Amino acid sequence: MTDSEDVRRIALSLPETAEKLAWGMPTFRVAGKMFVTIPDDETSFAVRCPMIERQELIAAEPAKFWVPAHEASSNWVRVRLAALDDQQELRDIVVDSWRQAAPPQLLEDSSAPA
């Protein structure tokens, strides 16, 4: 089963990522832009997600993805750690969020994750 330490490990393995405490929780940023947060209960994490995709994710897998009321107007989605299939799915979700926040020149770098 995946846990918040797996989220931290994967996030920090991505180029130019830094961890910063904000709102009392760990956040992970690339070039100063946040791409992952781990809320204090550590049973889920939040990632960037365009609203149109977010609605589709939640409709397709409501046991895995959801949005708290206070984040309804943002481009973020929560992911339940216990609902993930495996480490690869976790990595794919974190990398996708990183790619949304990373600057274009970093994405063009050959070492950027696919």
Protein backbone atom coordinates (compact mmCIF):
# COMPACT_ATOMS: atom_id res chain seq x y z
CA MET A 1 0.00 0.00 0.00
CA THR A 2 1.22 3.49 -0.77
CA ASP A 3 1.59 6.17 1.89
CA SER A 4 2.54 9.81 2.26
CA GLU A 5 6.25 8.95 2.38
CA ASP A 6 5.92 7.45 -1.10
CA VAL A 7 4.38 10.72 -2.30
CA ARG A 8 7.27 12.65 -0.73
CA ARG A 9 9.92 10.32 -2.21
CA ILE A 10 8.48 10.52 -5.73
CA ALA A 11 7.93 14.28 -5.62
CA LEU A 12 11.46 14.97 -4.39
CA SER A 13 12.92 12.71 -7.10
CA LEU A 14 11.63 15.07 -9.80
CA PRO A 15 13.97 17.75 -11.19
CA GLU A 16 14.19 21.05 -9.32
CA THR A 17 11.61 20.04 -6.72
CA ALA A 18 11.68 21.46 -3.21
CA GLU A 19 9.56 20.70 -0.17
CA LYS A 20 8.08 23.63 1.76
CA LEU A 21 5.75 23.66 4.74
CA ALA A 22 2.63 25.77 4.04
CA TRP A 23 -0.73 25.87 5.84
CA GLY A 24 0.74 23.37 8.29
CA MET A 25 1.29 20.70 5.63
CA PRO A 26 4.10 19.61 3.33
CA THR A 27 3.92 21.06 -0.17
CA PHE A 28 6.14 20.28 -3.13
CA ARG A 29 7.12 22.90 -5.67
CA VAL A 30 8.96 23.17 -8.95
CA ALA A 31 10.30 26.62 -9.85
CA GLY A 32 8.24 27.97 -6.94
CA LYS A 33 4.94 26.54 -8.23
CA MET A 34 3.16 24.06 -6.02
CA PHE A 35 2.26 20.73 -7.60
CA VAL A 36 1.56 18.40 -4.63
CA THR A 37 0.30 18.86 -1.08
CA ILE A 38 -0.11 16.27 1.65
CA PRO A 39 -2.93 17.22 4.06
CA ASP A 40 -2.36 16.54 7.74
CA ASP A 41 -4.33 13.30 7.92
CA GLU A 42 -1.88 11.84 5.35
CA THR A 43 -4.51 9.50 3.85
CA SER A 44 -4.60 11.49 0.63
CA PHE A 45 -2.69 14.03 -1.39
CA ALA A 46 -3.70 16.85 -3.71
CA VAL A 47 -2.40 17.51 -7.23
CA ARG A 48 -2.98 19.99 -10.02
CA CYS A 49 -5.76 18.98 -12.38
CA PRO A 50 -7.61 21.03 -15.00
CA MET A 51 -11.28 21.31 -14.00
CA ILE A 52 -12.62 19.54 -17.08
CA GLU A 53 -10.35 16.54 -16.43
CA ARG A 54 -11.10 16.66 -12.72
CA GLN A 55 -14.81 16.19 -13.30
CA GLU A 56 -14.10 13.20 -15.55
CA LEU A 57 -11.71 11.63 -13.01
CA ILE A 58 -14.19 11.96 -10.17
CA ALA A 59 -17.06 10.59 -12.29
CA ALA A 60 -14.95 7.62 -13.43
CA GLU A 61 -13.38 6.77 -10.06
CA PRO A 62 -15.15 8.50 -7.15
CA ALA A 63 -13.57 6.17 -4.59
CA LYS A 64 -10.14 7.40 -5.71
CA PHE A 65 -10.62 11.08 -6.59
CA TRP A 66 -12.59 13.86 -4.91
CA VAL A 67 -12.58 17.58 -4.19
CA PRO A 68 -13.27 19.10 -0.78
CA ALA A 69 -15.75 21.97 -0.81
CA HIS A 70 -13.07 24.59 -0.07
CA GLU A 71 -11.14 23.53 -3.21
CA ALA A 72 -14.15 23.40 -5.56
CA SER A 73 -13.10 26.48 -7.53
CA SER A 74 -9.45 25.48 -7.85
CA ASN A 75 -7.59 23.35 -10.38
CA TRP A 76 -6.75 20.69 -7.78
CA VAL A 77 -8.02 17.20 -7.05
CA ARG A 78 -7.48 14.96 -4.03
CA VAL A 79 -6.34 11.38 -4.40
CA ARG A 80 -6.98 8.71 -1.75
CA LEU A 81 -3.75 6.81 -1.16
CA ALA A 82 -5.48 3.56 -0.20
CA ALA A 83 -7.42 3.54 -3.50
CA LEU A 84 -4.34 3.64 -5.75
CA ASP A 85 -3.56 0.51 -7.75
CA ASP A 86 0.21 0.61 -7.24
CA GLN A 87 3.36 2.73 -7.04
CA GLN A 88 3.35 3.29 -10.80
CA GLU A 89 -0.08 4.88 -10.68
CA LEU A 90 1.09 7.12 -7.83
CA ARG A 91 4.17 8.11 -9.83
CA ASP A 92 2.10 8.82 -12.95
CA ILE A 93 -0.24 11.13 -11.01
CA VAL A 94 2.59 13.02 -9.29
CA VAL A 95 4.60 13.39 -12.52
CA ASP A 96 1.53 14.67 -14.38
CA SER A 97 1.03 17.35 -11.74
CA TRP A 98 4.76 18.23 -11.81
CA ARG A 99 4.59 18.63 -15.60
CA GLN A 100 1.67 21.07 -15.23
CA ALA A 101 3.71 23.28 -12.88
CA ALA A 102 7.21 22.96 -14.39
CA PRO A 103 8.52 25.78 -16.57
CA PRO A 104 8.69 25.03 -20.32
CA GLN A 105 12.51 25.05 -20.44
CA LEU A 106 12.62 22.36 -17.75
CA LEU A 107 10.09 20.25 -19.66
CA GLU A 108 12.26 20.51 -22.78
CA ASP A 109 15.28 19.21 -20.88
CA SER A 110 16.09 15.62 -21.81
CA SER A 111 16.15 14.63 -18.12
CA ALA A 112 12.52 15.70 -17.53
CA PRO A 113 10.27 12.77 -16.64
CA ALA A 114 7.91 11.55 -19.32
